[in-house]
PDB file of all heavy atoms in Angstrom:
ATOM      1  N   GLN A   1      -7.072   7.199  17.159  1.00  0.00           N
ATOM      2  CA  GLN A   1      -6.196   6.373  16.333  1.00  0.00           C
ATOM      3  C   GLN A   1      -5.764   5.157  17.136  1.00  0.00           C
ATOM      4  O   GLN A   1      -5.343   5.259  18.287  1.00  0.00           O
ATOM      5  CB  GLN A   1      -4.976   7.182  15.888  1.00  0.00           C
ATOM      6  CG  GLN A   1      -4.085   6.453  14.892  1.00  0.00           C
ATOM      7  CD  GLN A   1      -2.933   7.326  14.397  1.00  0.00           C
ATOM      8  OE1 GLN A   1      -2.818   8.483  14.797  1.00  0.00           O
ATOM      9  NE2 GLN A   1      -2.105   6.785  13.542  1.00  0.00           N
ATOM     10  N   THR A   2      -5.874   3.979  16.536  1.00  0.00           N
ATOM     11  CA  THR A   2      -5.562   2.740  17.240  1.00  0.00           C
ATOM     12  C   THR A   2      -4.518   1.953  16.467  1.00  0.00           C
ATOM     13  O   THR A   2      -4.842   1.181  15.564  1.00  0.00           O
ATOM     14  CB  THR A   2      -6.828   1.883  17.437  1.00  0.00           C
ATOM     15  OG1 THR A   2      -7.836   2.666  18.068  1.00  0.00           O
ATOM     16  CG2 THR A   2      -6.526   0.673  18.307  1.00  0.00           C
ATOM     17  N   PRO A   3      -3.260   2.128  16.779  1.00  0.00           N
ATOM     18  CA  PRO A   3      -2.202   1.381  16.102  1.00  0.00           C
ATOM     19  C   PRO A   3      -2.156  -0.068  16.569  1.00  0.00           C
ATOM     20  O   PRO A   3      -2.675  -0.426  17.629  1.00  0.00           O
ATOM     21  CB  PRO A   3      -0.937   2.122  16.512  1.00  0.00           C
ATOM     22  CG  PRO A   3      -1.276   2.672  17.856  1.00  0.00           C
ATOM     23  CD  PRO A   3      -2.731   3.045  17.795  1.00  0.00           C
ATOM     24  N   ARG A   4      -1.526  -0.896  15.779  1.00  0.00           N
ATOM     25  CA  ARG A   4      -1.279  -2.279  16.168  1.00  0.00           C
ATOM     26  C   ARG A   4      -0.110  -2.340  17.145  1.00  0.00           C
ATOM     27  O   ARG A   4       0.703  -1.421  17.228  1.00  0.00           O
ATOM     28  CB  ARG A   4      -0.974  -3.127  14.935  1.00  0.00           C
ATOM     29  CG  ARG A   4      -2.102  -3.211  13.927  1.00  0.00           C
ATOM     30  CD  ARG A   4      -1.630  -3.853  12.622  1.00  0.00           C
ATOM     31  NE  ARG A   4      -0.634  -3.000  11.960  1.00  0.00           N
ATOM     32  CZ  ARG A   4      -0.022  -3.331  10.821  1.00  0.00           C
ATOM     33  NH1 ARG A   4      -0.275  -4.503  10.247  1.00  0.00           N
ATOM     34  NH2 ARG A   4       0.854  -2.500  10.273  1.00  0.00           N
ATOM     35  N   GLN A   5      -0.036  -3.434  17.869  1.00  0.00           N
ATOM     36  CA  GLN A   5       1.076  -3.601  18.799  1.00  0.00           C
ATOM     37  C   GLN A   5       2.410  -3.565  18.078  1.00  0.00           C
ATOM     38  O   GLN A   5       3.381  -2.972  18.565  1.00  0.00           O
ATOM     39  CB  GLN A   5       0.918  -4.914  19.571  1.00  0.00           C
ATOM     40  CG  GLN A   5      -0.288  -4.942  20.498  1.00  0.00           C
ATOM     41  CD  GLN A   5      -0.456  -6.275  21.199  1.00  0.00           C
ATOM     42  OE1 GLN A   5       0.524  -6.917  21.595  1.00  0.00           O
ATOM     43  NE2 GLN A   5      -1.704  -6.704  21.378  1.00  0.00           N
ATOM     44  N   CYS A   6       2.470  -4.175  16.914  1.00  0.00           N
ATOM     45  CA  CYS A   6       3.731  -4.197  16.170  1.00  0.00           C
ATOM     46  C   CYS A   6       4.112  -2.799  15.675  1.00  0.00           C
ATOM     47  O   CYS A   6       5.295  -2.476  15.560  1.00  0.00           O
ATOM     48  CB  CYS A   6       3.656  -5.188  15.019  1.00  0.00           C
ATOM     49  SG  CYS A   6       2.334  -4.881  13.820  1.00  0.00           S
ATOM     50  N   ASP A   7       3.110  -1.961  15.378  1.00  0.00           N
ATOM     51  CA  ASP A   7       3.403  -0.577  14.990  1.00  0.00           C
ATOM     52  C   ASP A   7       4.071   0.167  16.147  1.00  0.00           C
ATOM     53  O   ASP A   7       5.043   0.917  15.945  1.00  0.00           O
ATOM     54  CB  ASP A   7       2.121   0.159  14.597  1.00  0.00           C
ATOM     55  CG  ASP A   7       1.496  -0.368  13.317  1.00  0.00           C
ATOM     56  OD1 ASP A   7       2.239  -0.735  12.392  1.00  0.00           O
ATOM     57  OD2 ASP A   7       0.251  -0.420  13.250  1.00  0.00           O
ATOM     58  N   MET A   8       3.531  -0.029  17.341  1.00  0.00           N
ATOM     59  CA  MET A   8       4.114   0.632  18.503  1.00  0.00           C
ATOM     60  C   MET A   8       5.514   0.102  18.796  1.00  0.00           C
ATOM     61  O   MET A   8       6.413   0.860  19.188  1.00  0.00           O
ATOM     62  CB  MET A   8       3.193   0.457  19.705  1.00  0.00           C
ATOM     63  CG  MET A   8       1.908   1.253  19.598  1.00  0.00           C
ATOM     64  SD  MET A   8       0.840   1.100  21.057  1.00  0.00           S
ATOM     65  CE  MET A   8      -0.148  -0.328  20.579  1.00  0.00           C
ATOM     66  N   ALA A   9       5.718  -1.196  18.601  1.00  0.00           N
ATOM     67  CA  ALA A   9       7.044  -1.772  18.818  1.00  0.00           C
ATOM     68  C   ALA A   9       8.055  -1.219  17.817  1.00  0.00           C
ATOM     69  O   ALA A   9       9.226  -1.016  18.156  1.00  0.00           O
ATOM     70  CB  ALA A   9       6.978  -3.290  18.714  1.00  0.00           C
ATOM     71  N   THR A  10       7.624  -0.975  16.590  1.00  0.00           N
ATOM     72  CA  THR A  10       8.510  -0.377  15.591  1.00  0.00           C
ATOM     73  C   THR A  10       9.020   0.980  16.069  1.00  0.00           C
ATOM     74  O   THR A  10      10.198   1.313  15.918  1.00  0.00           O
ATOM     75  CB  THR A  10       7.775  -0.217  14.247  1.00  0.00           C
ATOM     76  OG1 THR A  10       7.385  -1.508  13.766  1.00  0.00           O
ATOM     77  CG2 THR A  10       8.658   0.453  13.211  1.00  0.00           C
ATOM     78  N   ILE A  11       8.135   1.756  16.686  1.00  0.00           N
ATOM     79  CA  ILE A  11       8.524   3.074  17.198  1.00  0.00           C
ATOM     80  C   ILE A  11       9.465   2.944  18.392  1.00  0.00           C
ATOM     81  O   ILE A  11      10.507   3.590  18.458  1.00  0.00           O
ATOM     82  CB  ILE A  11       7.274   3.873  17.600  1.00  0.00           C
ATOM     83  CG1 ILE A  11       6.415   4.169  16.377  1.00  0.00           C
ATOM     84  CG2 ILE A  11       7.649   5.168  18.316  1.00  0.00           C
ATOM     85  CD1 ILE A  11       5.036   4.680  16.717  1.00  0.00           C
ATOM     86  N   GLU A  12       9.093   2.073  19.325  1.00  0.00           N
ATOM     87  CA  GLU A  12       9.842   1.989  20.581  1.00  0.00           C
ATOM     88  C   GLU A  12      11.208   1.325  20.422  1.00  0.00           C
ATOM     89  O   GLU A  12      12.151   1.646  21.132  1.00  0.00           O
ATOM     90  CB  GLU A  12       9.024   1.230  21.625  1.00  0.00           C
ATOM     91  CG  GLU A  12       7.868   2.020  22.202  1.00  0.00           C
ATOM     92  CD  GLU A  12       8.326   3.161  23.092  1.00  0.00           C
ATOM     93  OE1 GLU A  12       8.936   2.894  24.140  1.00  0.00           O
ATOM     94  OE2 GLU A  12       8.089   4.324  22.711  1.00  0.00           O
ATOM     95  N   THR A  13      11.325   0.374  19.503  1.00  0.00           N
ATOM     96  CA  THR A  13      12.579  -0.374  19.352  1.00  0.00           C
ATOM     97  C   THR A  13      13.476   0.158  18.243  1.00  0.00           C
ATOM     98  O   THR A  13      14.608  -0.293  18.103  1.00  0.00           O
ATOM     99  CB  THR A  13      12.275  -1.859  19.065  1.00  0.00           C
ATOM    100  OG1 THR A  13      11.573  -1.968  17.813  1.00  0.00           O
ATOM    101  CG2 THR A  13      11.440  -2.465  20.178  1.00  0.00           C
ATOM    102  N   ASN A  14      12.955   1.086  17.425  1.00  0.00           N
ATOM    103  CA  ASN A  14      13.718   1.623  16.290  1.00  0.00           C
ATOM    104  C   ASN A  14      14.120   0.544  15.295  1.00  0.00           C
ATOM    105  O   ASN A  14      15.130   0.671  14.605  1.00  0.00           O
ATOM    106  CB  ASN A  14      14.973   2.373  16.788  1.00  0.00           C
ATOM    107  CG  ASN A  14      14.612   3.640  17.538  1.00  0.00           C
ATOM    108  OD1 ASN A  14      13.730   4.385  17.138  1.00  0.00           O
ATOM    109  ND2 ASN A  14      15.305   3.878  18.644  1.00  0.00           N
ATOM    110  N   GLN A  15      13.332  -0.509  15.240  1.00  0.00           N
ATOM    111  CA  GLN A  15      13.537  -1.538  14.222  1.00  0.00           C
ATOM    112  C   GLN A  15      12.838  -1.100  12.931  1.00  0.00           C
ATOM    113  O   GLN A  15      11.878  -0.324  12.975  1.00  0.00           O
ATOM    114  CB  GLN A  15      12.984  -2.875  14.698  1.00  0.00           C
ATOM    115  CG  GLN A  15      13.701  -3.457  15.907  1.00  0.00           C
ATOM    116  CD  GLN A  15      15.153  -3.800  15.622  1.00  0.00           C
ATOM    117  OE1 GLN A  15      15.473  -4.332  14.559  1.00  0.00           O
ATOM    118  NE2 GLN A  15      16.026  -3.476  16.559  1.00  0.00           N
ATOM    119  N   PRO A  16      13.285  -1.581  11.768  1.00  0.00           N
ATOM    120  CA  PRO A  16      12.709  -1.099  10.506  1.00  0.00           C
ATOM    121  C   PRO A  16      11.234  -1.414  10.323  1.00  0.00           C
ATOM    122  O   PRO A  16      10.483  -0.582   9.841  1.00  0.00           O
ATOM    123  CB  PRO A  16      13.573  -1.772   9.430  1.00  0.00           C
ATOM    124  CG  PRO A  16      14.213  -2.934  10.127  1.00  0.00           C
ATOM    125  CD  PRO A  16      14.413  -2.498  11.543  1.00  0.00           C
ATOM    126  N   ASP A  17      10.788  -2.606  10.706  1.00  0.00           N
ATOM    127  CA  ASP A  17       9.376  -2.951  10.566  1.00  0.00           C
ATOM    128  C   ASP A  17       9.060  -4.159  11.430  1.00  0.00           C
ATOM    129  O   ASP A  17       9.353  -5.295  11.064  1.00  0.00           O
ATOM    130  CB  ASP A  17       9.010  -3.250   9.114  1.00  0.00           C
ATOM    131  CG  ASP A  17       7.503  -3.360   8.910  1.00  0.00           C
ATOM    132  OD1 ASP A  17       6.779  -3.386   9.921  1.00  0.00           O
ATOM    133  OD2 ASP A  17       7.048  -3.418   7.763  1.00  0.00           O
ATOM    134  N   CYS A  18       8.439  -3.911  12.569  1.00  0.00           N
ATOM    135  CA  CYS A  18       8.123  -5.002  13.488  1.00  0.00           C
ATOM    136  C   CYS A  18       6.849  -5.740  13.100  1.00  0.00           C
ATOM    137  O   CYS A  18       6.459  -6.689  13.786  1.00  0.00           O
ATOM    138  CB  CYS A  18       7.986  -4.457  14.903  1.00  0.00           C
ATOM    139  SG  CYS A  18       9.547  -3.879  15.621  1.00  0.00           S
ATOM    140  N   CYS A  19       6.183  -5.325  12.037  1.00  0.00           N
ATOM    141  CA  CYS A  19       4.929  -5.965  11.635  1.00  0.00           C
ATOM    142  C   CYS A  19       5.122  -7.043  10.575  1.00  0.00           C
ATOM    143  O   CYS A  19       4.148  -7.651  10.126  1.00  0.00           O
ATOM    144  CB  CYS A  19       3.937  -4.907  11.135  1.00  0.00           C
ATOM    145  SG  CYS A  19       3.359  -3.802  12.449  1.00  0.00           S
ATOM    146  N   VAL A  20       6.347  -7.292  10.164  1.00  0.00           N
ATOM    147  CA  VAL A  20       6.621  -8.353   9.201  1.00  0.00           C
ATOM    148  C   VAL A  20       6.672  -9.684   9.947  1.00  0.00           C
ATOM    149  O   VAL A  20       7.492  -9.869  10.849  1.00  0.00           O
ATOM    150  CB  VAL A  20       7.943  -8.104   8.461  1.00  0.00           C
ATOM    151  CG1 VAL A  20       8.253  -9.282   7.550  1.00  0.00           C
ATOM    152  CG2 VAL A  20       7.871  -6.814   7.657  1.00  0.00           C
ATOM    153  N   GLN A  21       5.783 -10.603   9.603  1.00  0.00           N
ATOM    154  CA  GLN A  21       5.724 -11.901  10.267  1.00  0.00           C
ATOM    155  C   GLN A  21       6.312 -12.993   9.387  1.00  0.00           C
ATOM    156  O   GLN A  21       6.231 -12.927   8.145  1.00  0.00           O
ATOM    157  CB  GLN A  21       4.270 -12.243  10.620  1.00  0.00           C
ATOM    158  CG  GLN A  21       3.667 -11.291  11.652  1.00  0.00           C
ATOM    159  CD  GLN A  21       2.186 -11.516  11.867  1.00  0.00           C
ATOM    160  OE1 GLN A  21       1.366 -10.870  11.243  1.00  0.00           O
ATOM    161  NE2 GLN A  21       1.851 -12.441  12.759  1.00  0.00           N
ATOM    162  N   ASP A  22       6.894 -14.004  10.024  1.00  0.00           N
ATOM    163  CA  ASP A  22       7.494 -15.106   9.273  1.00  0.00           C
ATOM    164  C   ASP A  22       6.436 -16.150   8.919  1.00  0.00           C
ATOM    165  O   ASP A  22       5.228 -15.926   9.109  1.00  0.00           O
ATOM    166  CB  ASP A  22       8.647 -15.732  10.058  1.00  0.00           C
ATOM    167  CG  ASP A  22       8.219 -16.342  11.392  1.00  0.00           C
ATOM    168  OD1 ASP A  22       7.004 -16.626  11.566  1.00  0.00           O
ATOM    169  OD2 ASP A  22       9.085 -16.540  12.258  1.00  0.00           O
ATOM    170  N   ASP A  23       6.876 -17.271   8.419  1.00  0.00           N
ATOM    171  CA  ASP A  23       5.943 -18.312   7.985  1.00  0.00           C
ATOM    172  C   ASP A  23       5.141 -18.914   9.133  1.00  0.00           C
ATOM    173  O   ASP A  23       4.122 -19.574   8.904  1.00  0.00           O
ATOM    174  CB  ASP A  23       6.712 -19.437   7.268  1.00  0.00           C
ATOM    175  CG  ASP A  23       7.319 -18.970   5.950  1.00  0.00           C
ATOM    176  OD1 ASP A  23       6.829 -17.955   5.412  1.00  0.00           O
ATOM    177  OD2 ASP A  23       8.294 -19.591   5.489  1.00  0.00           O
ATOM    178  N   PHE A  24       5.601 -18.690  10.356  1.00  0.00           N
ATOM    179  CA  PHE A  24       4.892 -19.197  11.527  1.00  0.00           C
ATOM    180  C   PHE A  24       4.094 -18.088  12.222  1.00  0.00           C
ATOM    181  O   PHE A  24       3.674 -18.239  13.369  1.00  0.00           O
ATOM    182  CB  PHE A  24       5.884 -19.826  12.507  1.00  0.00           C
ATOM    183  CG  PHE A  24       6.656 -20.974  11.934  1.00  0.00           C
ATOM    184  CD1 PHE A  24       7.930 -20.776  11.412  1.00  0.00           C
ATOM    185  CD2 PHE A  24       6.102 -22.253  11.863  1.00  0.00           C
ATOM    186  CE1 PHE A  24       8.645 -21.837  10.866  1.00  0.00           C
ATOM    187  CE2 PHE A  24       6.810 -23.306  11.314  1.00  0.00           C
ATOM    188  CZ  PHE A  24       8.090 -23.100  10.808  1.00  0.00           C
ATOM    189  N   ASP A  25       3.912 -16.973  11.532  1.00  0.00           N
ATOM    190  CA  ASP A  25       3.175 -15.804  12.051  1.00  0.00           C
ATOM    191  C   ASP A  25       3.843 -15.180  13.261  1.00  0.00           C
ATOM    192  O   ASP A  25       3.184 -14.546  14.088  1.00  0.00           O
ATOM    193  CB  ASP A  25       1.716 -16.178  12.395  1.00  0.00           C
ATOM    194  CG  ASP A  25       0.899 -16.507  11.149  1.00  0.00           C
ATOM    195  OD1 ASP A  25       1.199 -15.937  10.080  1.00  0.00           O
ATOM    196  OD2 ASP A  25      -0.030 -17.320  11.256  1.00  0.00           O
ATOM    197  N   LEU A  26       5.151 -15.338  13.370  1.00  0.00           N
ATOM    198  CA  LEU A  26       5.895 -14.742  14.460  1.00  0.00           C
ATOM    199  C   LEU A  26       6.480 -13.398  14.035  1.00  0.00           C
ATOM    200  O   LEU A  26       6.902 -13.233  12.884  1.00  0.00           O
ATOM    201  CB  LEU A  26       7.023 -15.672  14.919  1.00  0.00           C
ATOM    202  CG  LEU A  26       6.583 -17.045  15.444  1.00  0.00           C
ATOM    203  CD1 LEU A  26       7.795 -17.901  15.766  1.00  0.00           C
ATOM    204  CD2 LEU A  26       5.685 -16.891  16.672  1.00  0.00           C
ATOM    205  N   PHE A  27       6.496 -12.467  14.956  1.00  0.00           N
ATOM    206  CA  PHE A  27       7.077 -11.160  14.686  1.00  0.00           C
ATOM    207  C   PHE A  27       8.596 -11.224  14.883  1.00  0.00           C
ATOM    208  O   PHE A  27       9.105 -12.120  15.552  1.00  0.00           O
ATOM    209  CB  PHE A  27       6.463 -10.111  15.617  1.00  0.00           C
ATOM    210  CG  PHE A  27       4.991  -9.915  15.416  1.00  0.00           C
ATOM    211  CD1 PHE A  27       4.069 -10.552  16.238  1.00  0.00           C
ATOM    212  CD2 PHE A  27       4.517  -9.098  14.399  1.00  0.00           C
ATOM    213  CE1 PHE A  27       2.704 -10.367  16.053  1.00  0.00           C
ATOM    214  CE2 PHE A  27       3.160  -8.920  14.202  1.00  0.00           C
ATOM    215  CZ  PHE A  27       2.253  -9.548  15.028  1.00  0.00           C
ATOM    216  N   PRO A  28       9.342 -10.276  14.330  1.00  0.00           N
ATOM    217  CA  PRO A  28      10.810 -10.310  14.454  1.00  0.00           C
ATOM    218  C   PRO A  28      11.260 -10.280  15.914  1.00  0.00           C
ATOM    219  O   PRO A  28      10.766  -9.459  16.707  1.00  0.00           O
ATOM    220  CB  PRO A  28      11.254  -9.045  13.706  1.00  0.00           C
ATOM    221  CG  PRO A  28      10.134  -8.744  12.756  1.00  0.00           C
ATOM    222  CD  PRO A  28       8.888  -9.165  13.468  1.00  0.00           C
ATOM    223  N   ASP A  29      12.180 -11.142  16.263  1.00  0.00           N
ATOM    224  CA  ASP A  29      12.638 -11.239  17.647  1.00  0.00           C
ATOM    225  C   ASP A  29      13.271  -9.945  18.159  1.00  0.00           C
ATOM    226  O   ASP A  29      13.076  -9.599  19.334  1.00  0.00           O
ATOM    227  CB  ASP A  29      13.625 -12.396  17.791  1.00  0.00           C
ATOM    228  CG  ASP A  29      13.917 -12.691  19.252  1.00  0.00           C
ATOM    229  OD1 ASP A  29      12.982 -13.084  19.973  1.00  0.00           O
ATOM    230  OD2 ASP A  29      15.077 -12.507  19.676  1.00  0.00           O
ATOM    231  N   PRO A  30      14.023  -9.179  17.343  1.00  0.00           N
ATOM    232  CA  PRO A  30      14.581  -7.917  17.853  1.00  0.00           C
ATOM    233  C   PRO A  30      13.519  -6.913  18.288  1.00  0.00           C
ATOM    234  O   PRO A  30      13.827  -5.959  19.008  1.00  0.00           O
ATOM    235  CB  PRO A  30      15.387  -7.380  16.660  1.00  0.00           C
ATOM    236  CG  PRO A  30      15.725  -8.588  15.858  1.00  0.00           C
ATOM    237  CD  PRO A  30      14.534  -9.482  15.984  1.00  0.00           C
ATOM    238  N   CYS A  31      12.280  -7.120  17.844  1.00  0.00           N
ATOM    239  CA  CYS A  31      11.193  -6.217  18.233  1.00  0.00           C
ATOM    240  C   CYS A  31      10.583  -6.578  19.584  1.00  0.00           C
ATOM    241  O   CYS A  31       9.762  -5.824  20.111  1.00  0.00           O
ATOM    242  CB  CYS A  31      10.095  -6.241  17.173  1.00  0.00           C
ATOM    243  SG  CYS A  31      10.617  -5.646  15.550  1.00  0.00           S
ATOM    244  N   ASN A  32      10.955  -7.733  20.116  1.00  0.00           N
ATOM    245  CA  ASN A  32      10.359  -8.223  21.363  1.00  0.00           C
ATOM    246  C   ASN A  32      11.059  -7.583  22.562  1.00  0.00           C
ATOM    247  O   ASN A  32      11.778  -8.233  23.318  1.00  0.00           O
ATOM    248  CB  ASN A  32      10.464  -9.749  21.416  1.00  0.00           C
ATOM    249  CG  ASN A  32       9.693 -10.338  22.585  1.00  0.00           C
ATOM    250  OD1 ASN A  32       8.795  -9.712  23.136  1.00  0.00           O
ATOM    251  ND2 ASN A  32      10.053 -11.553  22.973  1.00  0.00           N
ATOM    252  N   ASN A  33      10.843  -6.286  22.698  1.00  0.00           N
ATOM    253  CA  ASN A  33      11.475  -5.523  23.767  1.00  0.00           C
ATOM    254  C   ASN A  33      10.438  -4.750  24.562  1.00  0.00           C
ATOM    255  O   ASN A  33       9.302  -4.577  24.127  1.00  0.00           O
ATOM    256  CB  ASN A  33      12.513  -4.547  23.203  1.00  0.00           C
ATOM    257  CG  ASN A  33      13.772  -5.249  22.745  1.00  0.00           C
ATOM    258  OD1 ASN A  33      14.222  -6.212  23.354  1.00  0.00           O
ATOM    259  ND2 ASN A  33      14.348  -4.771  21.653  1.00  0.00           N
ATOM    260  N   GLY A  34      10.864  -4.268  25.715  1.00  0.00           N
ATOM    261  CA  GLY A  34       9.992  -3.465  26.540  1.00  0.00           C
ATOM    262  C   GLY A  34       9.842  -2.049  26.003  1.00  0.00           C
ATOM    263  O   GLY A  34      10.550  -1.628  25.079  1.00  0.00           O
ATOM    264  N   GLY A  35       8.925  -1.327  26.588  1.00  0.00           N
ATOM    265  CA  GLY A  35       8.698   0.054  26.197  1.00  0.00           C
ATOM    266  C   GLY A  35       7.618   0.666  27.061  1.00  0.00           C
ATOM    267  O   GLY A  35       7.136   0.043  28.008  1.00  0.00           O
ATOM    268  N   TRP A  36       7.251   1.880  26.737  1.00  0.00           N
ATOM    269  CA  TRP A  36       6.154   2.565  27.402  1.00  0.00           C
ATOM    270  C   TRP A  36       5.125   2.952  26.347  1.00  0.00           C
ATOM    271  O   TRP A  36       5.471   3.164  25.176  1.00  0.00           O
ATOM    272  CB  TRP A  36       6.649   3.819  28.121  1.00  0.00           C
ATOM    273  CG  TRP A  36       7.593   3.548  29.246  1.00  0.00           C
ATOM    274  CD1 TRP A  36       8.935   3.778  29.260  1.00  0.00           C
ATOM    275  CD2 TRP A  36       7.270   2.990  30.526  1.00  0.00           C
ATOM    276  NE1 TRP A  36       9.474   3.403  30.463  1.00  0.00           N
ATOM    277  CE2 TRP A  36       8.473   2.917  31.270  1.00  0.00           C
ATOM    278  CE3 TRP A  36       6.087   2.555  31.120  1.00  0.00           C
ATOM    279  CZ2 TRP A  36       8.528   2.428  32.568  1.00  0.00           C
ATOM    280  CZ3 TRP A  36       6.137   2.070  32.415  1.00  0.00           C
ATOM    281  CH2 TRP A  36       7.339   2.003  33.133  1.00  0.00           C
TER     282      TRP A  36
END
Protein backbone atom coordinates (compact mmCIF):
# COMPACT_ATOMS: atom_id res chain seq x y z
CA GLN A 1 0.00 0.00 0.00
CA THR A 2 1.41 3.37 -1.02
CA PRO A 3 -0.30 6.36 0.58
CA ARG A 4 0.25 9.94 -0.52
CA GLN A 5 2.36 12.26 1.57
CA CYS A 6 -0.72 14.27 2.49
CA ASP A 7 -2.47 11.08 3.66
CA MET A 8 0.40 10.37 6.02
CA ALA A 9 0.38 13.97 7.24
CA THR A 10 -3.33 13.67 8.03
CA ILE A 11 -2.52 10.74 10.32
CA GLU A 12 0.52 12.29 11.96
CA THR A 13 -0.90 15.79 12.53
CA ASN A 14 -4.49 14.80 13.41
CA GLN A 15 -5.75 17.41 10.97
CA PRO A 16 -9.11 16.67 9.28
CA ASP A 17 -7.78 16.42 5.72
CA CYS A 18 -4.28 17.39 4.67
CA CYS A 19 -4.96 16.51 1.02
CA VAL A 20 -7.23 19.49 0.34
CA GLN A 21 -5.26 21.95 -1.80
CA ASP A 22 -6.03 25.63 -2.35
CA ASP A 23 -6.18 27.50 -5.64
CA PHE A 24 -2.38 27.59 -5.72
CA ASP A 25 -2.11 23.80 -5.20
CA LEU A 26 -0.79 24.33 -1.69
CA PHE A 27 -1.62 21.96 1.14
CA PRO A 28 -3.03 23.28 4.45
CA ASP A 29 -0.33 24.98 6.51
CA PRO A 30 -1.33 23.24 9.80
CA CYS A 31 -0.40 19.97 8.10
CA ASN A 32 3.18 21.13 7.48
CA ASN A 33 4.59 19.41 10.54
CA GLY A 34 7.19 16.82 11.34
CA GLY A 35 6.51 13.17 11.97
CA TRP A 36 7.83 9.65 11.62
